């Protein structure tokens, strides 16, 4: 667990895929994480507030954040309308006692949603008291061609929101300066997805320290400014063949976070 005054470190439930969400709660408790971030997606348990609350109670692992269903594969989770999906994520976070909702910028084809996106976030934050942190994304790249799927761009600071999530795997894929992005986000940087990437044209979610991103520098900058948010290890363990291999990867990620935070 985090020492008094230190930054909380949570485990994303996406980090145990393809194992079930229950394993994320189990490993988070076993390894000494401070809580979990639940990615709401096709897994029925991720959509079930009662089931999540039971897992949280069983393992004494608080749900510190919910990640709204914003992926291409989750466009029908809870509702086809992204406005409804975000509303429902906020309600679920409130019921679970999570203080943060992570959301992606709208896709380019979600024009009506995009028009009211900033206003919806502001209204939901005011009504719920939660932090709704818009996450930086990345364009799709093939060779020298880069095409954004997001409106107006993958970089939420191009619009300006009250709170941001900084994802260091996404900065790698986008090939943008993570330190400069953190500086642009400034005091509105409320949530960190701590991972790494090599700059390949895909979202790698490597263990921090295994890629090219300035993970330690970003962590130190957060410490220097007395960051009060949560750092979430959102790393891929899909190549782990056994539970001990997955446990070793998540232990390495947690040790990196504890060392630099």
Protein backbone atom coordinates (compact mmCIF):
# COMPACT_ATOMS: atom_id res chain seq x y z
CA UNK A 1 0.00 0.00 0.00
CA UNK A 2 1.06 3.60 -0.56
CA UNK A 3 2.86 5.35 2.26
CA UNK A 4 1.22 8.41 3.76
CA UNK A 5 1.48 11.32 1.38
CA UNK A 6 2.56 9.21 -1.60
CA UNK A 7 0.69 8.81 -4.88
CA UNK A 8 -1.80 5.94 -5.02
CA UNK A 9 -1.04 3.21 -7.54
CA UNK A 10 -3.90 1.22 -9.04
CA UNK A 11 -4.13 -1.72 -11.42
CA UNK A 12 -6.27 -1.54 -14.54
CA UNK A 13 -8.48 -4.57 -15.00
CA UNK A 14 -7.35 -4.51 -18.64
CA UNK A 15 -3.90 -5.53 -17.42
CA UNK A 16 -4.93 -9.12 -16.70
CA UNK A 17 -6.64 -9.83 -20.03
CA UNK A 18 -7.43 -12.50 -21.22
CA UNK A 19 -8.06 -13.58 -17.62
CA UNK A 20 -11.31 -12.37 -16.02
CA UNK A 21 -11.73 -9.14 -14.06
CA UNK A 22 -11.83 -11.06 -10.78
CA UNK A 23 -8.15 -11.86 -11.29
CA UNK A 24 -7.31 -8.15 -11.41
CA UNK A 25 -8.84 -7.63 -7.95
CA UNK A 26 -7.11 -10.76 -6.64
CA UNK A 27 -3.65 -9.84 -7.97
CA UNK A 28 -3.99 -6.18 -7.00
CA UNK A 29 -4.61 -7.25 -3.40
CA UNK A 30 -1.90 -9.89 -3.41
CA UNK A 31 0.80 -7.62 -4.86
CA UNK A 32 0.02 -4.53 -2.80
CA UNK A 33 -1.70 -2.16 -5.22
CA UNK A 34 -3.86 0.56 -3.69
CA UNK A 35 -6.94 -0.18 -5.78
CA UNK A 36 -8.18 -0.91 -9.29
CA UNK A 37 -9.42 0.94 -12.34
CA UNK A 38 -12.23 -0.95 -14.06
CA UNK A 39 -12.34 -0.88 -17.85
CA UNK A 40 -16.01 -1.17 -18.79
CA UNK A 41 -16.20 -3.36 -21.87
CA UNK A 42 -17.69 -6.62 -23.18
CA UNK A 43 -17.04 -8.62 -20.01
CA UNK A 44 -20.44 -8.70 -18.24
CA UNK A 45 -18.80 -8.31 -14.82
CA UNK A 46 -17.29 -4.98 -15.88
CA UNK A 47 -20.84 -3.74 -16.54
CA UNK A 48 -22.33 -5.06 -13.29
CA UNK A 49 -22.03 -2.60 -10.39
CA UNK A 50 -23.18 -5.18 -7.84
CA UNK A 51 -20.62 -7.75 -8.99
CA UNK A 52 -17.84 -5.15 -8.94
CA UNK A 53 -18.80 -4.03 -5.45
CA UNK A 54 -18.69 -7.64 -4.27
CA UNK A 55 -15.21 -8.14 -5.75
CA UNK A 56 -14.05 -4.90 -4.17
CA UNK A 57 -15.35 -5.98 -0.76
CA UNK A 58 -14.02 -9.54 -1.05
CA UNK A 59 -10.48 -8.43 -1.83
CA UNK A 60 -10.54 -5.14 0.09
CA UNK A 61 -9.54 -3.37 -3.11
CA UNK A 62 -11.34 -0.07 -3.75
CA UNK A 63 -12.45 0.85 -7.26
CA UNK A 64 -10.60 4.13 -7.67
CA UNK A 65 -11.63 4.82 -11.29
CA UNK A 66 -13.95 3.64 -14.05
CA UNK A 67 -12.93 3.76 -17.68
CA UNK A 68 -15.98 4.52 -19.83
CA UNK A 69 -16.74 2.15 -22.75
CA UNK A 70 -15.15 4.24 -25.51
CA UNK A 71 -13.35 1.60 -27.59
CA UNK A 72 -14.47 0.56 -31.05
CA UNK A 73 -15.38 -2.84 -29.62
CA UNK A 74 -17.52 -1.31 -26.86
CA UNK A 75 -19.80 0.92 -28.93
CA UNK A 76 -22.85 -1.15 -27.89
CA UNK A 77 -21.96 -1.63 -24.23
CA UNK A 78 -24.80 -0.24 -22.06
CA UNK A 79 -26.16 1.83 -24.98
CA UNK A 80 -25.48 2.73 -28.59
CA UNK A 81 -25.60 6.44 -27.70
CA UNK A 82 -22.22 7.63 -26.30
CA UNK A 83 -23.99 10.33 -24.29
CA UNK A 84 -25.93 7.63 -22.45
CA UNK A 85 -22.79 5.51 -21.99
CA UNK A 86 -20.94 8.37 -20.31
CA UNK A 87 -23.93 9.21 -18.10
CA UNK A 88 -24.18 5.57 -17.03
CA UNK A 89 -20.44 5.34 -16.31
CA UNK A 90 -20.71 8.34 -13.99
CA UNK A 91 -23.66 6.76 -12.18
CA UNK A 92 -21.76 3.48 -11.79
CA UNK A 93 -18.65 5.30 -10.51
CA UNK A 94 -20.78 7.13 -7.95
CA UNK A 95 -22.31 3.87 -6.72
CA UNK A 96 -18.87 2.24 -6.43
CA UNK A 97 -17.26 5.21 -4.70
CA UNK A 98 -14.79 5.77 -7.52
CA UNK A 99 -13.60 9.35 -7.78
CA UNK A 100 -12.55 9.36 -11.43
CA UNK A 101 -14.10 8.52 -14.80
CA UNK A 102 -11.73 8.18 -17.75
CA UNK A 103 -13.17 8.99 -21.18
CA UNK A 104 -11.74 9.26 -24.69
CA UNK A 105 -12.37 12.19 -27.05
CA UNK A 106 -15.28 11.58 -29.44
CA UNK A 107 -14.73 9.71 -32.68
CA UNK A 108 -14.96 11.77 -35.84
CA UNK A 109 -18.28 10.20 -36.84
CA UNK A 110 -19.86 11.06 -33.45
CA UNK A 111 -20.51 14.65 -34.48
CA UNK A 112 -23.57 15.29 -32.32
CA UNK A 113 -21.80 13.79 -29.30
CA UNK A 114 -18.71 15.88 -30.03
CA UNK A 115 -20.73 19.10 -30.21
CA UNK A 116 -22.00 18.66 -26.67
CA UNK A 117 -19.07 16.70 -25.21
CA UNK A 118 -17.44 19.49 -23.21
CA UNK A 119 -20.78 20.70 -21.89
CA UNK A 120 -21.83 17.17 -20.88
CA UNK A 121 -18.58 16.65 -18.97
CA UNK A 122 -18.92 19.98 -17.17
CA UNK A 123 -22.53 19.23 -16.21
CA UNK A 124 -21.72 15.71 -15.00
CA UNK A 125 -18.78 16.92 -12.93
CA UNK A 126 -20.90 19.63 -11.33
CA UNK A 127 -23.76 17.24 -10.54
CA UNK A 128 -21.70 14.28 -9.34
CA UNK A 129 -18.59 15.81 -7.81
CA UNK A 130 -16.50 13.29 -9.77
CA UNK A 131 -13.43 14.01 -11.88
CA UNK A 132 -14.03 13.22 -15.55
CA UNK A 133 -10.58 13.04 -17.10
CA UNK A 134 -10.29 13.14 -20.91
CA UNK A 135 -7.50 10.90 -22.17
CA UNK A 136 -4.93 11.64 -24.88
CA UNK A 137 -5.20 9.26 -27.82
CA UNK A 138 -3.24 8.70 -31.06
CA UNK A 139 -3.69 8.71 -34.83
CA UNK A 140 -3.63 5.57 -36.94
CA UNK A 141 -0.31 5.44 -38.80
CA UNK A 142 0.79 3.56 -41.89
CA UNK A 143 4.22 4.57 -43.09
CA UNK A 144 4.29 8.36 -43.29
CA UNK A 145 0.51 8.63 -43.32
CA UNK A 146 -1.24 9.51 -40.04
CA UNK A 147 -5.03 9.68 -39.84
CA UNK A 148 -6.92 10.73 -36.73
CA UNK A 149 -10.15 9.02 -35.74
CA UNK A 150 -10.90 11.70 -33.12
CA UNK A 151 -12.72 15.01 -33.25
CA UNK A 152 -11.13 17.50 -33.29
CA UNK A 153 -7.86 15.62 -32.59
CA UNK A 154 -6.31 12.88 -30.44
CA UNK A 155 -4.84 15.56 -28.15
CA UNK A 156 -7.48 16.79 -25.67
CA UNK A 157 -5.43 19.89 -24.86
CA UNK A 158 -6.33 21.15 -28.34
CA UNK A 159 -9.82 21.73 -26.91
CA UNK A 160 -9.18 22.27 -23.23
CA UNK A 161 -11.00 20.39 -20.46
CA UNK A 162 -11.08 20.74 -16.69
CA UNK A 163 -9.34 17.38 -16.16
CA UNK A 164 -7.07 15.09 -18.19
CA UNK A 165 -5.74 11.54 -18.15
CA UNK A 166 -2.18 11.27 -19.47
CA UNK A 167 -1.48 7.89 -21.10
CA UNK A 168 2.20 7.19 -21.79
CA UNK A 169 1.57 4.29 -24.14
CA UNK A 170 -0.55 6.63 -26.25
CA UNK A 171 2.13 9.33 -26.34
CA UNK A 172 4.52 6.68 -27.69
CA UNK A 173 2.12 5.56 -30.41
CA UNK A 174 1.35 9.18 -31.34
CA UNK A 175 5.07 10.01 -31.26
CA UNK A 176 4.51 13.13 -29.20
CA UNK A 177 6.59 14.54 -26.35
CA UNK A 178 5.06 13.15 -23.14
CA UNK A 179 6.76 15.70 -20.91
CA UNK A 180 5.53 18.57 -23.07
CA UNK A 181 2.01 17.14 -23.04
CA UNK A 182 2.08 16.84 -19.26
CA UNK A 183 3.17 20.47 -19.07
CA UNK A 184 0.31 21.53 -21.36
CA UNK A 185 -2.13 19.66 -19.17
CA UNK A 186 -0.69 21.44 -16.15
CA UNK A 187 -2.71 21.31 -12.95
CA UNK A 188 -5.64 19.79 -14.90
CA UNK A 189 -3.65 16.53 -15.22
CA UNK A 190 -5.68 14.49 -12.75
CA UNK A 191 -5.00 10.86 -13.66
CA UNK A 192 -2.06 8.89 -15.08
CA UNK A 193 -2.04 5.72 -17.16
CA UNK A 194 1.47 4.54 -16.45
CA UNK A 195 2.77 2.34 -19.24
CA UNK A 196 5.39 2.54 -21.98
CA UNK A 197 5.78 2.15 -25.72
CA UNK A 198 8.46 1.93 -28.37
CA UNK A 199 6.94 4.34 -30.88
CA UNK A 200 5.51 1.51 -32.97
CA UNK A 201 2.25 2.27 -34.84
CA UNK A 202 0.18 0.31 -32.31
CA UNK A 203 -0.84 0.76 -28.70
CA UNK A 204 1.67 -1.47 -26.88
CA UNK A 205 1.14 -0.78 -23.16
CA UNK A 206 4.57 -2.03 -22.17
CA UNK A 207 5.76 -2.19 -18.58
CA UNK A 208 7.16 1.27 -17.73
CA UNK A 209 10.90 1.30 -18.31
CA UNK A 210 10.78 -1.18 -21.19
CA UNK A 211 10.08 1.39 -23.91
CA UNK A 212 11.13 4.83 -25.07
CA UNK A 213 8.87 7.03 -22.95
CA UNK A 214 10.21 9.30 -20.17
CA UNK A 215 8.13 7.45 -17.57
CA UNK A 216 10.48 8.19 -14.66
CA UNK A 217 10.71 11.87 -15.62
CA UNK A 218 6.93 12.23 -15.81
CA UNK A 219 6.54 10.50 -12.44
CA UNK A 220 9.13 12.75 -10.84
CA UNK A 221 7.40 15.83 -12.21
CA UNK A 222 4.14 14.66 -10.62
CA UNK A 223 5.89 14.11 -7.30
CA UNK A 224 7.46 17.57 -7.50
CA UNK A 225 4.07 19.21 -7.90
CA UNK A 226 2.42 17.17 -5.14
CA UNK A 227 0.11 15.29 -7.52
CA UNK A 228 -3.00 14.09 -5.69
CA UNK A 229 -4.39 11.84 -8.40
CA UNK A 230 -3.90 8.13 -9.06
CA UNK A 231 -1.31 6.40 -11.22
CA UNK A 232 -2.84 3.38 -12.94
CA UNK A 233 -0.68 0.57 -14.31
CA UNK A 234 -2.34 -0.19 -17.63
CA UNK A 235 0.09 -2.74 -19.07
CA UNK A 236 -0.36 -5.68 -21.38
CA UNK A 237 0.20 -9.18 -19.99
CA UNK A 238 -1.53 -11.04 -22.82
CA UNK A 239 1.69 -12.89 -23.69
CA UNK A 240 2.01 -14.30 -20.18
CA UNK A 241 1.44 -18.04 -20.47
CA UNK A 242 0.88 -18.70 -16.77
CA UNK A 243 -0.39 -16.90 -13.68
CA UNK A 244 3.16 -16.67 -12.22
CA UNK A 245 4.36 -14.98 -15.43
CA UNK A 246 1.49 -12.48 -15.25
CA UNK A 247 2.18 -11.88 -11.57
CA UNK A 248 5.87 -11.20 -12.34
CA UNK A 249 5.01 -8.59 -14.98
CA UNK A 250 2.56 -6.79 -12.69
CA UNK A 251 5.08 -6.92 -9.84
CA UNK A 252 7.73 -5.29 -12.04
CA UNK A 253 5.28 -2.58 -13.07
CA UNK A 254 4.32 -1.87 -9.46
CA UNK A 255 7.94 -1.71 -8.34
CA UNK A 256 8.66 0.87 -11.05
CA UNK A 257 5.72 2.97 -9.90
CA UNK A 258 6.64 2.76 -6.21
CA UNK A 259 10.26 3.64 -6.97
CA UNK A 260 9.47 6.74 -9.06
CA UNK A 261 6.35 7.95 -7.26
